[in-house]
Amino acid sequence: MAEMTSVVVDDHPAIVAGVEMWCAAANPPVRVLDAGARAAVAWTAPGSDADVVVFDLQQSGQVSMYRDLRQLVEVGRLEITVRTVNSYIDRARIKYADAGRSAPTKAALVARAIQDGFVRLEDL
């Protein structure tokens, strides 16, 4: 059986350590290739070679919206459809509109995410 690998995206060192211990104790063990607080660890080497990405699901609505925006960058690698991407964009726009901060274009949506600290320019 081929070795299973993972990358961990979380900003809490205790959580990262716990996931790494859980992966090591799995049968068969799962090797953690990389871990870090920024999502970039999942799409840059060595994390980009991982079979599985483990990330925190307990995030605010705006952070999950950021995750939806990141999918735009990953479309080619994840083989998701344009329809799915458009659905993510629409959901993010609705969340911003509900917060009183409309983002009618993709550029405005990315600008909002940058303003809110969910995206850094170097992440784009």
PDB file of N, CA and C in Angstrom:
ATOM      1  N   MET A   1       0.846  -1.180   0.000  1.00  0.00           N
ATOM      2  CA  MET A   1       0.000   0.000   0.000  1.00  0.00           C
ATOM      3  C   MET A   1       0.891   1.242   0.000  1.00  0.00           C
ATOM      4  N   ALA A   2       0.548   2.212  -0.836  1.00  0.00           N
ATOM      5  CA  ALA A   2       1.315   3.458  -0.909  1.00  0.00           C
ATOM      6  C   ALA A   2       1.133   4.274   0.361  1.00  0.00           C
ATOM      7  N   GLU A   3       2.176   4.994   0.706  1.00  0.00           N
ATOM      8  CA  GLU A   3       2.126   5.841   1.898  1.00  0.00           C
ATOM      9  C   GLU A   3       1.115   6.968   1.708  1.00  0.00           C
ATOM     10  N   MET A   4       0.327   7.248   2.729  1.00  0.00           N
ATOM     11  CA  MET A   4      -0.628   8.361   2.720  1.00  0.00           C
ATOM     12  C   MET A   4       0.076   9.566   3.323  1.00  0.00           C
ATOM     13  N   THR A   5      -0.099  10.737   2.683  1.00  0.00           N
ATOM     14  CA  THR A   5       0.530  11.960   3.179  1.00  0.00           C
ATOM     15  C   THR A   5      -0.521  13.034   3.395  1.00  0.00           C
ATOM     16  N   SER A   6      -0.179  14.004   4.253  1.00  0.00           N
ATOM     17  CA  SER A   6      -1.119  15.088   4.536  1.00  0.00           C
ATOM     18  C   SER A   6      -0.370  16.388   4.758  1.00  0.00           C
ATOM     19  N   VAL A   7      -1.134  17.481   4.737  1.00  0.00           N
ATOM     20  CA  VAL A   7      -0.654  18.804   5.114  1.00  0.00           C
ATOM     21  C   VAL A   7      -1.704  19.368   6.062  1.00  0.00           C
ATOM     22  N   VAL A   8      -1.264  20.070   7.113  1.00  0.00           N
ATOM     23  CA  VAL A   8      -2.171  20.598   8.133  1.00  0.00           C
ATOM     24  C   VAL A   8      -2.165  22.115   8.060  1.00  0.00           C
ATOM     25  N   VAL A   9      -3.360  22.712   7.919  1.00  0.00           N
ATOM     26  CA  VAL A   9      -3.502  24.167   7.903  1.00  0.00           C
ATOM     27  C   VAL A   9      -4.279  24.568   9.152  1.00  0.00           C
ATOM     28  N   ASP A  10      -3.576  25.162  10.113  1.00  0.00           N
ATOM     29  CA  ASP A  10      -4.214  25.620  11.343  1.00  0.00           C
ATOM     30  C   ASP A  10      -3.265  26.584  12.032  1.00  0.00           C
ATOM     31  N   ASP A  11      -3.825  27.600  12.689  1.00  0.00           N
ATOM     32  CA  ASP A  11      -2.986  28.601  13.347  1.00  0.00           C
ATOM     33  C   ASP A  11      -2.784  28.325  14.833  1.00  0.00           C
ATOM     34  N   HIS A  12      -3.236  27.179  15.320  1.00  0.00           N
ATOM     35  CA  HIS A  12      -3.072  26.826  16.725  1.00  0.00           C
ATOM     36  C   HIS A  12      -2.035  25.710  16.846  1.00  0.00           C
ATOM     37  N   PRO A  13      -0.850  25.998  17.420  1.00  0.00           N
ATOM     38  CA  PRO A  13       0.205  24.980  17.517  1.00  0.00           C
ATOM     39  C   PRO A  13      -0.249  23.697  18.209  1.00  0.00           C
ATOM     40  N   ALA A  14      -1.105  23.807  19.207  1.00  0.00           N
ATOM     41  CA  ALA A  14      -1.573  22.608  19.907  1.00  0.00           C
ATOM     42  C   ALA A  14      -2.417  21.731  18.987  1.00  0.00           C
ATOM     43  N   ILE A  15      -3.229  22.356  18.152  1.00  0.00           N
ATOM     44  CA  ILE A  15      -4.051  21.592  17.201  1.00  0.00           C
ATOM     45  C   ILE A  15      -3.160  20.905  16.184  1.00  0.00           C
ATOM     46  N   VAL A  16      -2.184  21.650  15.653  1.00  0.00           N
ATOM     47  CA  VAL A  16      -1.263  21.070  14.673  1.00  0.00           C
ATOM     48  C   VAL A  16      -0.545  19.870  15.290  1.00  0.00           C
ATOM     49  N   ALA A  17      -0.042  20.030  16.506  1.00  0.00           N
ATOM     50  CA  ALA A  17       0.659  18.930  17.179  1.00  0.00           C
ATOM     51  C   ALA A  17      -0.266  17.733  17.383  1.00  0.00           C
ATOM     52  N   GLY A  18      -1.515  17.995  17.757  1.00  0.00           N
ATOM     53  CA  GLY A  18      -2.475  16.915  17.950  1.00  0.00           C
ATOM     54  C   GLY A  18      -2.780  16.168  16.668  1.00  0.00           C
ATOM     55  N   VAL A  19      -2.957  16.903  15.574  1.00  0.00           N
ATOM     56  CA  VAL A  19      -3.229  16.265  14.281  1.00  0.00           C
ATOM     57  C   VAL A  19      -2.013  15.458  13.842  1.00  0.00           C
ATOM     58  N   GLU A  20      -0.816  16.004  14.046  1.00  0.00           N
ATOM     59  CA  GLU A  20       0.398  15.268  13.685  1.00  0.00           C
ATOM     60  C   GLU A  20       0.501  13.963  14.477  1.00  0.00           C
ATOM     61  N   MET A  21       0.172  14.008  15.775  1.00  0.00           N
ATOM     62  CA  MET A  21       0.196  12.791  16.605  1.00  0.00           C
ATOM     63  C   MET A  21      -0.853  11.791  16.131  1.00  0.00           C
ATOM     64  N   TRP A  22      -2.045  12.291  15.810  1.00  0.00           N
ATOM     65  CA  TRP A  22      -3.120  11.429  15.321  1.00  0.00           C
ATOM     66  C   TRP A  22      -2.704  10.751  14.018  1.00  0.00           C
ATOM     67  N   CYS A  23      -2.086  11.525  13.115  1.00  0.00           N
ATOM     68  CA  CYS A  23      -1.636  10.964  11.834  1.00  0.00           C
ATOM     69  C   CYS A  23      -0.572   9.890  12.056  1.00  0.00           C
ATOM     70  N   ALA A  24       0.369  10.155  12.952  1.00  0.00           N
ATOM     71  CA  ALA A  24       1.437   9.189  13.231  1.00  0.00           C
ATOM     72  C   ALA A  24       0.886   7.905  13.850  1.00  0.00           C
ATOM     73  N   ALA A  25      -0.189   8.026  14.635  1.00  0.00           N
ATOM     74  CA  ALA A  25      -0.773   6.864  15.314  1.00  0.00           C
ATOM     75  C   ALA A  25      -1.748   6.086  14.434  1.00  0.00           C
ATOM     76  N   ALA A  26      -2.087   6.629  13.269  1.00  0.00           N
ATOM     77  CA  ALA A  26      -3.040   5.957  12.376  1.00  0.00           C
ATOM     78  C   ALA A  26      -2.456   4.628  11.903  1.00  0.00           C
ATOM     79  N   ASN A  27      -3.335   3.728  11.448  1.00  0.00           N
ATOM     80  CA  ASN A  27      -2.893   2.445  10.935  1.00  0.00           C
ATOM     81  C   ASN A  27      -3.443   2.253   9.531  1.00  0.00           C
ATOM     82  N   PRO A  28      -2.624   2.400   8.501  1.00  0.00           N
ATOM     83  CA  PRO A  28      -1.203   2.731   8.530  1.00  0.00           C
ATOM     84  C   PRO A  28      -0.982   4.216   8.834  1.00  0.00           C
ATOM     85  N   PRO A  29       0.227   4.569   9.275  1.00  0.00           N
ATOM     86  CA  PRO A  29       0.511   5.966   9.616  1.00  0.00           C
ATOM     87  C   PRO A  29       0.358   6.896   8.411  1.00  0.00           C
ATOM     88  N   VAL A  30      -0.016   8.125   8.699  1.00  0.00           N
ATOM     89  CA  VAL A  30      -0.123   9.169   7.678  1.00  0.00           C
ATOM     90  C   VAL A  30       1.020  10.142   7.931  1.00  0.00           C
ATOM     91  N   ARG A  31       1.860  10.345   6.928  1.00  0.00           N
ATOM     92  CA  ARG A  31       3.006  11.246   7.090  1.00  0.00           C
ATOM     93  C   ARG A  31       2.575  12.678   6.803  1.00  0.00           C
ATOM     94  N   VAL A  32       2.846  13.589   7.734  1.00  0.00           N
ATOM     95  CA  VAL A  32       2.538  15.010   7.565  1.00  0.00           C
ATOM     96  C   VAL A  32       3.713  15.652   6.835  1.00  0.00           C
ATOM     97  N   LEU A  33       3.454  16.138   5.619  1.00  0.00           N
ATOM     98  CA  LEU A  33       4.511  16.747   4.819  1.00  0.00           C
ATOM     99  C   LEU A  33       4.827  18.167   5.258  1.00  0.00           C
ATOM    100  N   ASP A  34       3.803  18.904   5.702  1.00  0.00           N
ATOM    101  CA  ASP A  34       4.001  20.295   6.103  1.00  0.00           C
ATOM    102  C   ASP A  34       2.820  20.717   6.965  1.00  0.00           C
ATOM    103  N   ALA A  35       3.000  21.798   7.706  1.00  0.00           N
ATOM    104  CA  ALA A  35       1.938  22.355   8.538  1.00  0.00           C
ATOM    105  C   ALA A  35       2.206  23.836   8.719  1.00  0.00           C
ATOM    106  N   GLY A  36       1.141  24.610   8.856  1.00  0.00           N
ATOM    107  CA  GLY A  36       1.302  26.035   9.085  1.00  0.00           C
ATOM    108  C   GLY A  36      -0.024  26.737   9.213  1.00  0.00           C
ATOM    109  N   ALA A  37       0.052  28.019   9.555  1.00  0.00           N
ATOM    110  CA  ALA A  37      -1.149  28.814   9.784  1.00  0.00           C
ATOM    111  C   ALA A  37      -1.755  29.346   8.495  1.00  0.00           C
ATOM    112  N   ARG A  38      -0.980  29.473   7.451  1.00  0.00           N
ATOM    113  CA  ARG A  38      -1.463  30.044   6.192  1.00  0.00           C
ATOM    114  C   ARG A  38      -1.876  28.935   5.225  1.00  0.00           C
ATOM    115  N   ALA A  39      -2.930  29.173   4.479  1.00  0.00           N
ATOM    116  CA  ALA A  39      -3.404  28.186   3.505  1.00  0.00           C
ATOM    117  C   ALA A  39      -2.352  27.886   2.446  1.00  0.00           C
ATOM    118  N   ALA A  40      -1.406  28.787   2.263  1.00  0.00           N
ATOM    119  CA  ALA A  40      -0.366  28.590   1.253  1.00  0.00           C
ATOM    120  C   ALA A  40       0.434  27.307   1.475  1.00  0.00           C
ATOM    121  N   VAL A  41       0.493  26.789   2.710  1.00  0.00           N
ATOM    122  CA  VAL A  41       1.236  25.543   2.934  1.00  0.00           C
ATOM    123  C   VAL A  41       0.607  24.385   2.169  1.00  0.00           C
ATOM    124  N   ALA A  42      -0.653  24.507   1.794  1.00  0.00           N
ATOM    125  CA  ALA A  42      -1.335  23.427   1.074  1.00  0.00           C
ATOM    126  C   ALA A  42      -1.104  23.475  -0.429  1.00  0.00           C
ATOM    127  N   TRP A  43      -0.705  24.626  -0.968  1.00  0.00           N
ATOM    128  CA  TRP A  43      -0.501  24.673  -2.417  1.00  0.00           C
ATOM    129  C   TRP A  43       0.919  25.017  -2.812  1.00  0.00           C
ATOM    130  N   THR A  44       1.838  25.023  -1.852  1.00  0.00           N
ATOM    131  CA  THR A  44       3.257  25.168  -2.162  1.00  0.00           C
ATOM    132  C   THR A  44       3.982  23.931  -1.640  1.00  0.00           C
ATOM    133  N   ALA A  45       5.093  23.607  -2.267  1.00  0.00           N
ATOM    134  CA  ALA A  45       5.858  22.433  -1.852  1.00  0.00           C
ATOM    135  C   ALA A  45       6.390  22.627  -0.436  1.00  0.00           C
ATOM    136  N   PRO A  46       6.450  21.603   0.354  1.00  0.00           N
ATOM    137  CA  PRO A  46       6.110  20.215   0.058  1.00  0.00           C
ATOM    138  C   PRO A  46       4.631  19.878   0.242  1.00  0.00           C
ATOM    139  N   GLY A  47       3.852  20.787   0.852  1.00  0.00           N
ATOM    140  CA  GLY A  47       2.443  20.506   1.120  1.00  0.00           C
ATOM    141  C   GLY A  47       1.611  20.235  -0.113  1.00  0.00           C
ATOM    142  N   SER A  48       2.004  20.820  -1.246  1.00  0.00           N
ATOM    143  CA  SER A  48       1.223  20.628  -2.476  1.00  0.00           C
ATOM    144  C   SER A  48       1.251  19.184  -2.960  1.00  0.00           C
ATOM    145  N   ASP A  49       2.183  18.399  -2.459  1.00  0.00           N
ATOM    146  CA  ASP A  49       2.264  16.987  -2.845  1.00  0.00           C
ATOM    147  C   ASP A  49       1.436  16.074  -1.940  1.00  0.00           C
ATOM    148  N   ALA A  50       0.805  16.629  -0.914  1.00  0.00           N
ATOM    149  CA  ALA A  50       0.049  15.817   0.047  1.00  0.00           C
ATOM    150  C   ALA A  50      -1.201  15.213  -0.580  1.00  0.00           C
ATOM    151  N   ASP A  51      -1.564  14.032  -0.096  1.00  0.00           N
ATOM    152  CA  ASP A  51      -2.799  13.374  -0.532  1.00  0.00           C
ATOM    153  C   ASP A  51      -4.024  14.015   0.106  1.00  0.00           C
ATOM    154  N   VAL A  52      -3.864  14.529   1.335  1.00  0.00           N
ATOM    155  CA  VAL A  52      -4.984  15.054   2.112  1.00  0.00           C
ATOM    156  C   VAL A  52      -4.599  16.403   2.710  1.00  0.00           C
ATOM    157  N   VAL A  53      -5.547  17.348   2.703  1.00  0.00           N
ATOM    158  CA  VAL A  53      -5.365  18.633   3.379  1.00  0.00           C
ATOM    159  C   VAL A  53      -6.289  18.637   4.591  1.00  0.00           C
ATOM    160  N   VAL A  54      -5.716  18.850   5.777  1.00  0.00           N
ATOM    161  CA  VAL A  54      -6.487  18.925   7.016  1.00  0.00           C
ATOM    162  C   VAL A  54      -6.533  20.391   7.417  1.00  0.00           C
ATOM    163  N   PHE A  55      -7.746  20.955   7.560  1.00  0.00           N
ATOM    164  CA  PHE A  55      -7.858  22.358   7.947  1.00  0.00           C
ATOM    165  C   PHE A  55      -9.014  22.547   8.907  1.00  0.00           C
ATOM    166  N   ASP A  56      -8.980  23.674   9.595  1.00  0.00           N
ATOM    167  CA  ASP A  56      -9.956  24.003  10.629  1.00  0.00           C
ATOM    168  C   ASP A  56     -11.303  24.337  10.004  1.00  0.00           C
ATOM    169  N   LEU A  57     -12.337  23.606  10.386  1.00  0.00           N
ATOM    170  CA  LEU A  57     -13.684  23.896   9.894  1.00  0.00           C
ATOM    171  C   LEU A  57     -14.442  24.855  10.797  1.00  0.00           C
ATOM    172  N   GLN A  58     -13.917  25.145  11.970  1.00  0.00           N
ATOM    173  CA  GLN A  58     -14.575  26.047  12.912  1.00  0.00           C
ATOM    174  C   GLN A  58     -14.143  27.475  12.612  1.00  0.00           C
ATOM    175  N   GLN A  59     -14.641  28.004  11.517  1.00  0.00           N
ATOM    176  CA  GLN A  59     -14.249  29.331  11.077  1.00  0.00           C
ATOM    177  C   GLN A  59     -15.479  30.208  10.953  1.00  0.00           C
ATOM    178  N   SER A  60     -15.268  31.504  11.039  1.00  0.00           N
ATOM    179  CA  SER A  60     -16.386  32.438  10.885  1.00  0.00           C
ATOM    180  C   SER A  60     -16.875  32.428   9.446  1.00  0.00           C
ATOM    181  N   GLY A  61     -18.035  33.002   9.222  1.00  0.00           N
ATOM    182  CA  GLY A  61     -18.590  33.078   7.878  1.00  0.00           C
ATOM    183  C   GLY A  61     -17.665  33.774   6.907  1.00  0.00           C
ATOM    184  N   GLN A  62     -17.025  34.841   7.353  1.00  0.00           N
ATOM    185  CA  GLN A  62     -16.140  35.562   6.442  1.00  0.00           C
ATOM    186  C   GLN A  62     -14.888  34.764   6.139  1.00  0.00           C
ATOM    187  N   VAL A  63     -14.379  34.004   7.093  1.00  0.00           N
ATOM    188  CA  VAL A  63     -13.212  33.182   6.818  1.00  0.00           C
ATOM    189  C   VAL A  63     -13.582  32.066   5.859  1.00  0.00           C
ATOM    190  N   SER A  64     -14.768  31.476   6.022  1.00  0.00           N
ATOM    191  CA  SER A  64     -15.180  30.444   5.078  1.00  0.00           C
ATOM    192  C   SER A  64     -15.387  31.050   3.698  1.00  0.00           C
ATOM    193  N   MET A  65     -15.797  32.318   3.648  1.00  0.00           N
ATOM    194  CA  MET A  65     -15.918  32.998   2.369  1.00  0.00           C
ATOM    195  C   MET A  65     -14.537  33.118   1.731  1.00  0.00           C
ATOM    196  N   TYR A  66     -13.507  33.421   2.532  1.00  0.00           N
ATOM    197  CA  TYR A  66     -12.144  33.473   2.019  1.00  0.00           C
ATOM    198  C   TYR A  66     -11.766  32.121   1.434  1.00  0.00           C
ATOM    199  N   ARG A  67     -12.110  31.037   2.146  1.00  0.00           N
ATOM    200  CA  ARG A  67     -11.816  29.699   1.652  1.00  0.00           C
ATOM    201  C   ARG A  67     -12.504  29.492   0.306  1.00  0.00           C
ATOM    202  N   ASP A  68     -13.725  29.980   0.169  1.00  0.00           N
ATOM    203  CA  ASP A  68     -14.426  29.872  -1.109  1.00  0.00           C
ATOM    204  C   ASP A  68     -13.668  30.622  -2.192  1.00  0.00           C
ATOM    205  N   LEU A  69     -13.166  31.801  -1.876  1.00  0.00           N
ATOM    206  CA  LEU A  69     -12.407  32.576  -2.855  1.00  0.00           C
ATOM    207  C   LEU A  69     -11.135  31.848  -3.270  1.00  0.00           C
ATOM    208  N   ARG A  70     -10.484  31.187  -2.324  1.00  0.00           N
ATOM    209  CA  ARG A  70      -9.254  30.469  -2.651  1.00  0.00           C
ATOM    210  C   ARG A  70      -9.529  29.380  -3.675  1.00  0.00           C
ATOM    211  N   GLN A  71     -10.746  28.865  -3.690  1.00  0.00           N
ATOM    212  CA  GLN A  71     -11.080  27.825  -4.652  1.00  0.00           C
ATOM    213  C   GLN A  71     -10.896  28.324  -6.081  1.00  0.00           C
ATOM    214  N   LEU A  72     -11.049  29.617  -6.287  1.00  0.00           N
ATOM    215  CA  LEU A  72     -10.852  30.171  -7.622  1.00  0.00           C
ATOM    216  C   LEU A  72      -9.448  29.869  -8.120  1.00  0.00           C
ATOM    217  N   VAL A  73      -8.485  29.955  -7.239  1.00  0.00           N
ATOM    218  CA  VAL A  73      -7.105  29.704  -7.599  1.00  0.00           C
ATOM    219  C   VAL A  73      -6.874  28.218  -7.841  1.00  0.00           C
ATOM    220  N   GLU A  74      -7.604  27.382  -7.139  1.00  0.00           N
ATOM    221  CA  GLU A  74      -7.385  25.947  -7.175  1.00  0.00           C
ATOM    222  C   GLU A  74      -8.216  25.211  -8.232  1.00  0.00           C
ATOM    223  N   VAL A  75      -8.997  25.928  -9.022  1.00  0.00           N
ATOM    224  CA  VAL A  75      -9.913  25.271  -9.953  1.00  0.00           C
ATOM    225  C   VAL A  75      -9.214  24.216 -10.793  1.00  0.00           C
ATOM    226  N   GLY A  76      -8.093  24.556 -11.374  1.00  0.00           N
ATOM    227  CA  GLY A  76      -7.394  23.615 -12.234  1.00  0.00           C
ATOM    228  C   GLY A  76      -6.914  22.380 -11.498  1.00  0.00           C
ATOM    229  N   ARG A  77      -6.349  22.551 -10.322  1.00  0.00           N
ATOM    230  CA  ARG A  77      -5.809  21.418  -9.571  1.00  0.00           C
ATOM    231  C   ARG A  77      -6.892  20.540  -8.988  1.00  0.00           C
ATOM    232  N   LEU A  78      -7.991  21.115  -8.544  1.00  0.00           N
ATOM    233  CA  LEU A  78      -9.036  20.334  -7.896  1.00  0.00           C
ATOM    234  C   LEU A  78     -10.064  19.789  -8.876  1.00  0.00           C
ATOM    235  N   GLU A  79      -9.973  20.211 -10.135  1.00  0.00           N
ATOM    236  CA  GLU A  79     -10.890  19.758 -11.171  1.00  0.00           C
ATOM    237  C   GLU A  79     -12.346  20.003 -10.798  1.00  0.00           C
ATOM    238  N   ILE A  80     -12.626  21.181 -10.237  1.00  0.00           N
ATOM    239  CA  ILE A  80     -14.010  21.541  -9.956  1.00  0.00           C
ATOM    240  C   ILE A  80     -14.555  22.314 -11.142  1.00  0.00           C
ATOM    241  N   THR A  81     -15.852  22.314 -11.285  1.00  0.00           N
ATOM    242  CA  THR A  81     -16.465  22.923 -12.455  1.00  0.00           C
ATOM    243  C   THR A  81     -16.592  24.432 -12.301  1.00  0.00           C
ATOM    244  N   VAL A  82     -16.745  25.084 -13.429  1.00  0.00           N
ATOM    245  CA  VAL A  82     -16.975  26.527 -13.435  1.00  0.00           C
ATOM    246  C   VAL A  82     -18.258  26.839 -12.671  1.00  0.00           C
ATOM    247  N   ARG A  83     -19.249  25.977 -12.796  1.00  0.00           N
ATOM    248  CA  ARG A  83     -20.512  26.186 -12.076  1.00  0.00           C
ATOM    249  C   ARG A  83     -20.282  26.218 -10.561  1.00  0.00           C
ATOM    250  N   THR A  84     -19.430  25.327 -10.074  1.00  0.00           N
ATOM    251  CA  THR A  84     -19.116  25.307  -8.648  1.00  0.00           C
ATOM    252  C   THR A  84     -18.419  26.592  -8.234  1.00  0.00           C
ATOM    253  N   VAL A  85     -17.461  27.032  -9.026  1.00  0.00           N
ATOM    254  CA  VAL A  85     -16.757  28.286  -8.732  1.00  0.00           C
ATOM    255  C   VAL A  85     -17.746  29.439  -8.693  1.00  0.00           C
ATOM    256  N   ASN A  86     -18.637  29.506  -9.671  1.00  0.00           N
ATOM    257  CA  ASN A  86     -19.631  30.583  -9.697  1.00  0.00           C
ATOM    258  C   ASN A  86     -20.535  30.535  -8.470  1.00  0.00           C
ATOM    259  N   SER A  87     -20.842  29.337  -8.012  1.00  0.00           N
ATOM    260  CA  SER A  87     -21.640  29.195  -6.794  1.00  0.00           C
ATOM    261  C   SER A  87     -20.892  29.769  -5.594  1.00  0.00           C
ATOM    262  N   TYR A  88     -19.592  29.486  -5.487  1.00  0.00           N
ATOM    263  CA  TYR A  88     -18.775  30.045  -4.400  1.00  0.00           C
ATOM    264  C   TYR A  88     -18.753  31.568  -4.467  1.00  0.00           C
ATOM    265  N   ILE A  89     -18.594  32.089  -5.666  1.00  0.00           N
ATOM    266  CA  ILE A  89     -18.555  33.547  -5.837  1.00  0.00           C
ATOM    267  C   ILE A  89     -19.880  34.155  -5.407  1.00  0.00           C
ATOM    268  N   ASP A  90     -20.972  33.558  -5.845  1.00  0.00           N
ATOM    269  CA  ASP A  90     -22.298  34.077  -5.475  1.00  0.00           C
ATOM    270  C   ASP A  90     -22.504  34.044  -3.961  1.00  0.00           C
ATOM    271  N   ARG A  91     -22.095  32.960  -3.315  1.00  0.00           N
ATOM    272  CA  ARG A  91     -22.242  32.861  -1.859  1.00  0.00           C
ATOM    273  C   ARG A  91     -21.424  33.930  -1.145  1.00  0.00           C
ATOM    274  N   ALA A  92     -20.214  34.163  -1.622  1.00  0.00           N
ATOM    275  CA  ALA A  92     -19.371  35.191  -1.002  1.00  0.00           C
ATOM    276  C   ALA A  92     -19.990  36.572  -1.185  1.00  0.00           C
ATOM    277  N   ARG A  93     -20.511  36.841  -2.382  1.00  0.00           N
ATOM    278  CA  ARG A  93     -21.154  38.142  -2.630  1.00  0.00           C
ATOM    279  C   ARG A  93     -22.354  38.345  -1.713  1.00  0.00           C
ATOM    280  N   ILE A  94     -23.147  37.302  -1.535  1.00  0.00           N
ATOM    281  CA  ILE A  94     -24.324  37.391  -0.658  1.00  0.00           C
ATOM    282  C   ILE A  94     -23.894  37.675   0.773  1.00  0.00           C
ATOM    283  N   LYS A  95     -22.842  37.000   1.232  1.00  0.00           N
ATOM    284  CA  LYS A  95     -22.366  37.219   2.601  1.00  0.00           C
ATOM    285  C   LYS A  95     -21.896  38.657   2.790  1.00  0.00           C
ATOM    286  N   TYR A  96     -21.181  39.190   1.822  1.00  0.00           N
ATOM    287  CA  TYR A  96     -20.744  40.583   1.929  1.00  0.00           C
ATOM    288  C   TYR A  96     -21.934  41.536   1.849  1.00  0.00           C
ATOM    289  N   ALA A  97     -22.872  41.272   0.957  1.00  0.00           N
ATOM    290  CA  ALA A  97     -24.056  42.137   0.846  1.00  0.00           C
ATOM    291  C   ALA A  97     -24.848  42.121   2.152  1.00  0.00           C
ATOM    292  N   ASP A  98     -24.995  40.945   2.751  1.00  0.00           N
ATOM    293  CA  ASP A  98     -25.702  40.836   4.032  1.00  0.00           C
ATOM    294  C   ASP A  98     -25.001  41.629   5.131  1.00  0.00           C
ATOM    295  N   ALA A  99     -23.687  41.796   4.987  1.00  0.00           N
ATOM    296  CA  ALA A  99     -22.913  42.565   5.968  1.00  0.00           C
ATOM    297  C   ALA A  99     -22.893  44.056   5.622  1.00  0.00           C
ATOM    298  N   GLY A 100     -23.632  44.448   4.550  1.00  0.00           N
ATOM    299  CA  GLY A 100     -23.683  45.850   4.153  1.00  0.00           C
ATOM    300  C   GLY A 100     -22.471  46.310   3.370  1.00  0.00           C
ATOM    301  N   ARG A 101     -21.740  45.375   2.765  1.00  0.00           N
ATOM    302  CA  ARG A 101     -20.522  45.704   2.026  1.00  0.00           C
ATOM    303  C   ARG A 101     -20.555  44.992   0.676  1.00  0.00           C
ATOM    304  N   SER A 102     -21.386  45.464  -0.226  1.00  0.00           N
ATOM    305  CA  SER A 102     -21.574  44.759  -1.494  1.00  0.00           C
ATOM    306  C   SER A 102     -20.265  44.630  -2.265  1.00  0.00           C
ATOM    307  N   ALA A 103     -20.184  43.566  -3.036  1.00  0.00           N
ATOM    308  CA  ALA A 103     -19.022  43.283  -3.877  1.00  0.00           C
ATOM    309  C   ALA A 103     -19.542  42.724  -5.197  1.00  0.00           C
ATOM    310  N   PRO A 104     -19.999  43.610  -6.096  1.00  0.00           N
ATOM    311  CA  PRO A 104     -20.660  43.154  -7.315  1.00  0.00           C
ATOM    312  C   PRO A 104     -19.736  42.532  -8.366  1.00  0.00           C
ATOM    313  N   THR A 105     -18.440  42.754  -8.263  1.00  0.00           N
ATOM    314  CA  THR A 105     -17.509  42.184  -9.242  1.00  0.00           C
ATOM    315  C   THR A 105     -16.492  41.298  -8.530  1.00  0.00           C
ATOM    316  N   LYS A 106     -15.793  40.461  -9.319  1.00  0.00           N
ATOM    317  CA  LYS A 106     -14.752  39.615  -8.731  1.00  0.00           C
ATOM    318  C   LYS A 106     -13.661  40.476  -8.103  1.00  0.00           C
ATOM    319  N   ALA A 107     -13.304  41.561  -8.784  1.00  0.00           N
ATOM    320  CA  ALA A 107     -12.268  42.452  -8.253  1.00  0.00           C
ATOM    321  C   ALA A 107     -12.701  43.051  -6.919  1.00  0.00           C
ATOM    322  N   ALA A 108     -13.956  43.461  -6.832  1.00  0.00           N
ATOM    323  CA  ALA A 108     -14.464  44.028  -5.577  1.00  0.00           C
ATOM    324  C   ALA A 108     -14.479  42.972  -4.476  1.00  0.00           C
ATOM    325  N   LEU A 109     -14.802  41.742  -4.849  1.00  0.00           N
ATOM    326  CA  LEU A 109     -14.836  40.650  -3.878  1.00  0.00           C
ATOM    327  C   LEU A 109     -13.438  40.371  -3.319  1.00  0.00           C
ATOM    328  N   VAL A 110     -12.456  40.322  -4.193  1.00  0.00           N
ATOM    329  CA  VAL A 110     -11.080  40.114  -3.746  1.00  0.00           C
ATOM    330  C   VAL A 110     -10.617  41.301  -2.911  1.00  0.00           C
ATOM    331  N   ALA A 111     -10.983  42.519  -3.324  1.00  0.00           N
ATOM    332  CA  ALA A 111     -10.616  43.714  -2.552  1.00  0.00           C
ATOM    333  C   ALA A 111     -11.186  43.641  -1.140  1.00  0.00           C
ATOM    334  N   ARG A 112     -12.436  43.216  -1.009  1.00  0.00           N
ATOM    335  CA  ARG A 112     -13.044  43.078   0.321  1.00  0.00           C
ATOM    336  C   ARG A 112     -12.265  42.061   1.163  1.00  0.00           C
ATOM    337  N   ALA A 113     -11.920  40.941   0.562  1.00  0.00           N
ATOM    338  CA  ALA A 113     -11.180  39.910   1.291  1.00  0.00           C
ATOM    339  C   ALA A 113      -9.812  40.428   1.734  1.00  0.00           C
ATOM    340  N   ILE A 114      -9.163  41.229   0.896  1.00  0.00           N
ATOM    341  CA  ILE A 114      -7.879  41.830   1.268  1.00  0.00           C
ATOM    342  C   ILE A 114      -8.086  42.834   2.396  1.00  0.00           C
ATOM    343  N   GLN A 115      -9.102  43.693   2.271  1.00  0.00           N
ATOM    344  CA  GLN A 115      -9.390  44.692   3.302  1.00  0.00           C
ATOM    345  C   GLN A 115      -9.659  44.037   4.653  1.00  0.00           C
ATOM    346  N   ASP A 116     -10.308  42.884   4.631  1.00  0.00           N
ATOM    347  CA  ASP A 116     -10.675  42.201   5.869  1.00  0.00           C
ATOM    348  C   ASP A 116      -9.563  41.305   6.405  1.00  0.00           C
ATOM    349  N   GLY A 117      -8.456  41.244   5.679  1.00  0.00           N
ATOM    350  CA  GLY A 117      -7.316  40.462   6.151  1.00  0.00           C
ATOM    351  C   GLY A 117      -7.410  38.974   5.887  1.00  0.00           C
ATOM    352  N   PHE A 118      -8.356  38.543   5.048  1.00  0.00           N
ATOM    353  CA  PHE A 118      -8.488  37.125   4.734  1.00  0.00           C
ATOM    354  C   PHE A 118      -7.527  36.695   3.640  1.00  0.00           C
ATOM    355  N   VAL A 119      -7.094  37.652   2.832  1.00  0.00           N
ATOM    356  CA  VAL A 119      -6.189  37.394   1.727  1.00  0.00           C
ATOM    357  C   VAL A 119      -5.081  38.431   1.796  1.00  0.00           C
ATOM    358  N   ARG A 120      -3.852  37.983   1.593  1.00  0.00           N
ATOM    359  CA  ARG A 120      -2.736  38.911   1.446  1.00  0.00           C
ATOM    360  C   ARG A 120      -2.400  38.977  -0.030  1.00  0.00           C
ATOM    361  N   LEU A 121      -1.878  40.097  -0.476  1.00  0.00           N
ATOM    362  CA  LEU A 121      -1.530  40.228  -1.889  1.00  0.00           C
ATOM    363  C   LEU A 121      -0.596  39.114  -2.328  1.00  0.00           C
ATOM    364  N   GLU A 122       0.357  38.739  -1.484  1.00  0.00           N
ATOM    365  CA  GLU A 122       1.303  37.692  -1.863  1.00  0.00           C
ATOM    366  C   GLU A 122       0.646  36.315  -1.949  1.00  0.00           C
ATOM    367  N   ASP A 123      -0.572  36.163  -1.423  1.00  0.00           N
ATOM    368  CA  ASP A 123      -1.296  34.895  -1.533  1.00  0.00           C
ATOM    369  C   ASP A 123      -2.003  34.750  -2.873  1.00  0.00           C
ATOM    370  N   LEU A 124      -2.149  35.847  -3.595  1.00  0.00           N
ATOM    371  CA  LEU A 124      -2.890  35.802  -4.864  1.00  0.00           C
ATOM    372  C   LEU A 124      -2.012  35.376  -6.010  1.00  0.00           C
TER     373      LEU A 124
END
